[in-house]
Protein backbone atom coordinates (compact mmCIF):
# COMPACT_ATOMS: atom_id res chain seq x y z
CA MET A 1 2.33 20.26 -26.28
CA ALA A 2 2.35 16.91 -28.12
CA ARG A 3 6.06 16.55 -27.35
CA SER A 4 5.38 17.03 -23.64
CA ILE A 5 2.64 14.40 -23.70
CA ILE A 6 4.90 11.93 -25.48
CA GLN A 7 7.73 12.63 -23.02
CA ASN A 8 5.42 11.94 -20.05
CA ILE A 9 4.27 8.66 -21.59
CA GLU A 10 7.87 7.62 -22.29
CA ASP A 11 8.98 8.54 -18.74
CA SER A 12 6.16 6.46 -17.27
CA ILE A 13 7.06 3.47 -19.44
CA LYS A 14 10.77 3.74 -18.55
CA THR A 15 9.98 3.80 -14.84
CA LYS A 16 7.73 0.76 -15.11
CA GLN A 17 10.28 -1.11 -17.25
CA LYS A 18 12.82 -0.76 -14.43
CA LEU A 19 10.42 -2.61 -12.09
CA LYS A 20 11.31 -5.87 -13.84
CA LYS A 21 14.27 -5.99 -11.45
CA GLN A 22 11.85 -6.13 -8.50
CA VAL A 23 9.71 -9.08 -9.57
CA LYS A 24 10.80 -11.12 -6.52
CA SER A 25 9.73 -8.34 -4.14
CA ILE A 26 6.34 -8.05 -5.86
CA GLU A 27 5.89 -11.83 -5.67
CA LYS A 28 6.84 -11.78 -1.98
CA ILE A 29 4.28 -9.06 -1.21
CA ALA A 30 1.55 -11.00 -3.03
CA GLU A 31 2.54 -14.20 -1.20
CA VAL A 32 2.43 -12.52 2.21
CA ILE A 33 -0.97 -10.97 1.50
CA SER A 34 -2.36 -14.26 0.15
CA ASN A 35 -1.11 -16.21 3.16
CA THR A 36 -2.58 -13.64 5.55
CA LEU A 37 -5.97 -13.68 3.84
CA ASN A 38 -5.97 -17.49 3.64
CA ASN A 39 -5.39 -17.56 7.41
CA ASP A 40 -8.28 -15.20 8.26
CA GLY A 41 -6.09 -12.10 8.58
CA LYS A 42 -6.80 -8.65 7.20
CA VAL A 43 -4.98 -6.15 5.01
CA PHE A 44 -4.80 -2.50 6.10
CA LEU A 45 -3.55 0.26 3.81
CA PHE A 46 -2.86 3.97 4.24
CA GLY A 47 -1.07 6.97 2.79
CA ASN A 48 -1.57 10.70 2.19
CA GLY A 49 -2.97 12.53 -0.83
CA GLY A 50 -2.58 10.43 -3.99
CA SER A 51 -1.23 7.60 -1.86
CA ALA A 52 -4.46 7.69 0.18
CA ALA A 53 -6.37 7.28 -3.07
CA ASP A 54 -4.09 4.38 -4.03
CA ALA A 55 -4.72 2.72 -0.65
CA GLN A 56 -8.47 3.05 -1.19
CA HIS A 57 -8.23 1.77 -4.76
CA ILE A 58 -6.30 -1.36 -3.78
CA ALA A 59 -8.63 -2.06 -0.84
CA ALA A 60 -11.62 -1.72 -3.17
CA GLU A 61 -10.15 -4.26 -5.62
CA LEU A 62 -9.71 -6.77 -2.78
CA VAL A 63 -13.09 -6.20 -1.12
CA GLY A 64 -15.06 -6.04 -4.38
CA LYS A 65 -13.38 -8.00 -7.11
CA PHE A 66 -10.44 -7.56 -9.37
CA GLN A 67 -11.05 -10.00 -12.23
CA LYS A 68 -12.80 -12.99 -10.67
CA LYS A 69 -16.19 -13.33 -9.07
CA ARG A 70 -15.41 -14.36 -5.49
CA LYS A 71 -16.19 -13.53 -1.89
CA GLY A 72 -14.95 -10.18 -0.67
CA LEU A 73 -11.54 -10.12 0.98
CA PRO A 74 -10.97 -8.19 4.23
CA ALA A 75 -9.02 -5.11 3.17
CA ILE A 76 -9.44 -1.74 4.85
CA ALA A 77 -8.11 1.65 3.79
CA LEU A 78 -7.51 3.73 6.91
CA THR A 79 -7.97 6.90 4.85
CA THR A 80 -11.72 6.89 4.35
CA ASN A 81 -13.54 7.72 7.59
CA VAL A 82 -13.60 11.51 7.75
CA SER A 83 -14.94 11.54 11.30
CA ILE A 84 -12.05 9.37 12.52
CA LEU A 85 -9.45 11.33 10.55
CA THR A 86 -10.65 14.72 11.76
CA SER A 87 -11.22 13.70 15.38
CA ILE A 88 -7.77 12.11 15.69
CA GLY A 89 -6.20 15.03 13.84
CA ASN A 90 -7.93 17.50 16.14
CA ASP A 91 -7.51 15.64 19.44
CA PHE A 92 -4.09 14.02 18.97
CA GLY A 93 -2.48 15.59 15.91
CA TYR A 94 -2.24 14.64 12.24
CA ASP A 95 0.87 12.54 12.82
CA LEU A 96 -1.21 10.01 14.78
CA ILE A 97 -4.13 9.45 12.38
CA PHE A 98 -2.87 6.04 11.23
CA GLU A 99 -1.20 4.97 14.47
CA ARG A 100 -4.46 5.33 16.44
CA GLN A 101 -6.38 3.30 13.84
CA VAL A 102 -3.68 0.62 13.76
CA GLU A 103 -3.85 0.46 17.56
CA SER A 104 -7.60 -0.19 17.47
CA LEU A 105 -7.86 -2.55 14.49
CA VAL A 106 -4.65 -4.42 13.66
CA LYS A 107 -3.87 -7.89 15.04
CA PRO A 108 -0.68 -9.96 14.89
CA ASN A 109 -0.08 -11.46 11.43
CA ASP A 110 -2.32 -8.95 9.64
CA VAL A 111 -0.67 -7.10 6.76
CA VAL A 112 -0.21 -3.34 7.02
CA ILE A 113 0.80 -1.42 3.89
CA GLY A 114 2.12 2.13 4.18
CA ILE A 115 2.29 4.09 0.93
CA SER A 116 4.49 7.19 0.80
CA THR A 117 6.19 8.55 -2.30
CA SER A 118 8.85 10.21 -0.12
CA GLY A 119 9.00 7.42 2.45
CA ASN A 120 9.22 10.05 5.15
CA SER A 121 5.58 10.89 5.98
CA GLU A 122 5.50 10.95 9.78
CA ASN A 123 1.95 9.61 10.09
CA VAL A 124 2.75 6.66 7.79
CA LEU A 125 5.95 5.92 9.70
CA LYS A 126 4.13 5.95 13.05
CA GLY A 127 1.42 3.63 11.71
CA ILE A 128 4.00 1.17 10.35
CA LYS A 129 6.08 1.25 13.55
CA LEU A 130 3.07 0.41 15.73
CA ALA A 131 1.87 -2.30 13.32
CA LYS A 132 5.30 -3.92 13.52
CA LYS A 133 5.25 -3.72 17.32
CA ILE A 134 1.81 -5.42 17.35
CA GLY A 135 3.22 -8.25 15.23
CA ALA A 136 1.71 -7.38 11.86
CA ILE A 137 3.67 -7.85 8.65
CA THR A 138 4.61 -4.41 7.35
CA ILE A 139 5.03 -3.42 3.73
CA GLY A 140 6.27 -0.06 2.47
CA LEU A 141 5.67 1.30 -1.02
CA THR A 142 7.85 4.31 -1.77
CA GLY A 143 10.10 6.06 -4.28
CA SER A 144 13.80 5.65 -5.03
CA LYS A 145 15.30 8.15 -2.60
CA LYS A 146 16.78 6.91 0.65
CA ASN A 147 14.04 7.18 3.28
CA LYS A 148 12.85 6.16 6.74
CA LEU A 149 10.08 3.81 5.56
CA GLU A 150 12.58 1.42 3.99
CA LYS A 151 14.38 1.09 7.32
CA ILE A 152 11.31 0.01 9.31
CA SER A 153 9.21 -2.06 6.87
CA ASP A 154 9.48 -5.85 6.74
CA ILE A 155 9.19 -5.66 2.96
CA ILE A 156 9.94 -2.56 0.91
CA LEU A 157 9.18 -1.84 -2.72
CA LYS A 158 10.97 1.23 -3.99
CA ILE A 159 9.83 2.59 -7.34
CA PRO A 160 12.94 3.55 -9.34
CA SER A 161 12.04 7.23 -9.65
CA SER A 162 12.06 10.40 -7.58
CA ASN A 163 9.20 11.91 -9.61
CA THR A 164 6.00 11.78 -7.53
CA GLN A 165 3.75 11.21 -10.55
CA ARG A 166 5.83 8.29 -11.85
CA ILE A 167 5.95 6.76 -8.35
CA GLN A 168 2.17 6.97 -7.96
CA GLU A 169 1.56 5.53 -11.44
CA ALA A 170 3.82 2.60 -10.62
CA HIS A 171 2.23 2.07 -7.19
CA ILE A 172 -1.21 1.57 -8.69
CA MET A 173 0.18 -0.75 -11.38
CA ILE A 174 1.93 -2.80 -8.67
CA GLY A 175 -1.31 -2.79 -6.67
CA HIS A 176 -3.17 -4.25 -9.65
CA ILE A 177 -0.52 -6.92 -10.20
CA ILE A 178 -0.66 -7.90 -6.53
CA CYS A 179 -4.47 -8.04 -6.59
CA GLU A 180 -4.36 -10.36 -9.61
CA ILE A 181 -1.88 -12.71 -7.94
CA VAL A 182 -3.81 -12.68 -4.65
CA GLU A 183 -7.07 -13.42 -6.42
CA ASN A 184 -5.47 -16.48 -8.02
CA ARG A 185 -4.00 -17.72 -4.73
CA ILE A 186 -6.91 -17.11 -2.42
CA LYS A 187 -8.83 -20.10 -1.09
CA LYS A 188 -12.06 -18.14 -0.66
CA SER A 189 -14.15 -18.36 -3.80
CA GLU A 190 -17.85 -18.31 -4.64
């Protein structure tokens, strides 16, 4: 059992070490989010399962605080309102749960972040496509396999792994790094 634990820790570290090659993409994402927030835009995030939890986690860091005491930043996870999710799922189908919310909330120049370890989740793809059509800046967070999300996002960050657990671990680490950078670049402070 100890060997398995050590192997999982080592695999996680190796995956995260490979992200050093994507520093420019991470900086670009943080820059885009900072610019949007500094210009009264909003950040919207969504995904399924663990990616839904990651979307909520990142939104909470921006709305609450990450490291600095400051005013809350407008970030919304489109994965949290059970009434909206179940009514859209029932009335329109699960594939439209993010698209319908994007349609009602997103404005041009907002940032919309779709998180999908496979990069092929139909509801995430539909939400990103509509956000792009509206004029929002779209960001995709995904894994290493070739996927549809990378083809439609303005900025893509592919975690160098095909292992769902490693991808999710790296997504939340990247989310924390981005929150730290944004917090240091944001004009809104208490």
